[in-house]
Protein backbone atom coordinates (compact mmCIF):
# COMPACT_ATOMS: atom_id res chain seq x y z
CA MET A 1 -13.28 -4.16 -12.66
CA LYS A 2 -14.57 -7.46 -10.87
CA GLU A 3 -14.31 -10.84 -12.38
CA LYS A 4 -15.13 -14.35 -10.29
CA ASN A 5 -11.71 -14.53 -9.06
CA THR A 6 -10.08 -11.12 -9.83
CA GLU A 7 -10.78 -7.79 -8.99
CA VAL A 8 -9.03 -4.67 -10.14
CA GLY A 9 -9.11 -1.15 -9.02
CA VAL A 10 -7.70 2.28 -10.29
CA GLU A 11 -7.92 5.63 -8.68
CA VAL A 12 -6.86 9.12 -9.83
CA GLY A 13 -7.16 11.93 -8.25
CA PRO A 14 -6.09 14.79 -5.83
CA SER A 15 -4.82 14.30 -2.30
CA TRP A 16 -3.23 16.38 0.77
CA ILE A 17 0.09 15.37 2.20
CA ASP A 18 1.09 16.63 5.75
CA GLU A 19 4.51 15.50 6.42
CA LYS A 20 6.89 16.16 9.33
CA LEU A 21 10.49 15.71 8.01
CA GLY A 22 12.97 15.93 11.17
CA THR A 23 11.49 19.23 12.74
CA ALA A 24 10.32 20.67 9.49
CA TYR A 25 6.44 20.35 8.46
CA LYS A 26 5.30 20.57 5.05
CA ASN A 27 1.94 19.96 3.54
CA TYR A 28 0.92 20.21 0.00
CA GLY A 29 -1.48 19.06 -2.55
CA ALA A 30 -0.67 15.90 -4.56
CA LEU A 31 -1.81 14.04 -7.49
CA ARG A 32 -2.58 10.43 -6.51
CA LEU A 33 -2.47 7.60 -8.86
CA ALA A 34 -3.15 4.01 -7.37
CA GLU A 35 -4.15 0.63 -8.66
CA ARG A 36 -4.94 -2.25 -6.89
CA ILE A 37 -5.30 -6.22 -7.82
CA ARG A 38 -6.91 -8.79 -5.47
CA GLN A 39 -6.60 -12.66 -6.71
CA THR A 40 -8.77 -15.29 -5.03
CA ILE A 41 -6.38 -18.36 -4.98
CA SER A 42 -8.81 -20.93 -3.57
CA ASP A 43 -11.52 -21.30 -1.52
CA ARG A 44 -8.97 -20.57 1.47
CA ALA A 45 -6.27 -18.24 -0.02
CA ARG A 46 -6.05 -14.99 -1.57
CA ALA A 47 -3.00 -12.62 -2.84
CA TRP A 48 -2.81 -8.89 -3.66
CA GLU A 49 -0.59 -6.40 -4.60
CA MET A 50 -1.19 -2.39 -4.25
CA LEU A 51 1.01 0.43 -6.18
CA GLU A 52 0.38 4.19 -5.10
CA TYR A 53 2.09 7.21 -6.56
CA LEU A 54 1.60 10.49 -4.64
CA ALA A 55 3.25 13.64 -6.78
CA GLN A 56 3.55 17.33 -5.32
CA MET A 57 0.99 19.00 -7.76
CA ASP A 58 3.29 22.50 -8.09
CA LYS A 59 6.51 20.30 -7.99
CA LEU A 60 6.19 16.61 -9.68
CA ASN A 61 9.57 15.80 -8.95
CA ASN A 62 8.75 15.54 -5.24
CA TYR A 63 6.90 12.49 -4.76
CA ILE A 64 5.80 9.21 -2.70
CA MET A 65 5.54 5.45 -3.78
CA ASN A 66 3.90 3.04 -1.58
CA ALA A 67 3.83 -0.54 -2.95
CA GLU A 68 2.68 -3.72 -0.95
CA ILE A 69 2.41 -7.29 -2.04
CA GLY A 70 0.82 -10.18 0.16
CA ILE A 71 -0.81 -13.45 0.42
CA GLU A 72 -3.37 -14.76 3.06
CA ALA A 73 -4.66 -18.26 4.25
CA ASP A 74 -7.44 -19.50 6.15
CA LEU A 75 -6.33 -21.28 9.28
CA THR A 76 -9.87 -22.58 10.33
CA LYS A 77 -12.78 -23.97 8.21
CA LYS A 78 -14.89 -20.81 9.71
CA LYS A 79 -12.69 -18.79 8.11
CA ASN A 80 -12.38 -16.49 10.95
CA LEU A 81 -8.63 -16.82 11.54
CA SER A 82 -5.99 -16.39 9.04
CA LEU A 83 -2.21 -16.18 8.22
CA ARG A 84 -0.95 -13.25 6.53
CA VAL A 85 2.40 -12.28 4.69
CA THR A 86 2.81 -8.81 3.39
CA LEU A 87 5.66 -7.07 1.87
CA ASP A 88 5.47 -3.38 2.23
CA ASP A 89 7.60 -0.75 0.65
CA SER A 90 7.29 3.07 1.10
CA TYR A 91 9.72 5.28 -1.12
CA ASN A 92 10.13 9.13 -0.43
CA ASN A 93 12.36 10.77 -3.01
CA ASP A 94 12.89 13.67 -0.44
CA PRO A 95 13.08 12.28 2.80
CA ALA A 96 14.47 14.37 6.11
CA ALA A 97 18.17 14.77 6.47
CA GLY A 98 19.80 11.66 7.55
CA ARG A 99 16.75 9.30 6.28
CA LEU A 100 17.01 6.78 3.88
CA LYS A 101 14.55 7.01 0.78
CA ASN A 102 13.49 3.88 1.24
CA ASP A 103 11.37 1.91 3.60
CA LEU A 104 11.13 -2.00 3.28
CA LYS A 105 8.89 -4.10 5.78
CA LEU A 106 7.91 -7.58 5.83
CA ILE A 107 4.95 -8.41 8.04
CA THR A 108 3.80 -11.81 9.19
CA SER A 109 0.65 -11.65 10.99
CA ILE A 110 -2.57 -13.87 12.26
CA ALA A 111 -5.79 -11.99 11.56
CA TYR A 112 -9.01 -12.68 13.39
CA LYS A 113 -12.17 -11.77 11.88
CA PHE A 114 -15.09 -11.07 14.22
């Protein structure tokens, strides 16, 4: 769905996951559900969010969730240089031994468009 200042996307389908958990390797088919919203705030600023759910097809209680929320603002009139701030969260309900289930990252970057 696309409107003047808003884009919404939804995805559903199969996926394949290869994981290395410590010294063990796992691979399996997964069901992927995802959505993404991108909002134009002004001529020079955008915001977005994304949520993705991946569940093992034959064991639905084994899943991974990824989420992202961010904002970007152009720093130049040419719109080729921008400042981005993103908050990423990855959650694995069955992590490797000794690892946390959640991985949260705050990323600030300057992007250059060619």
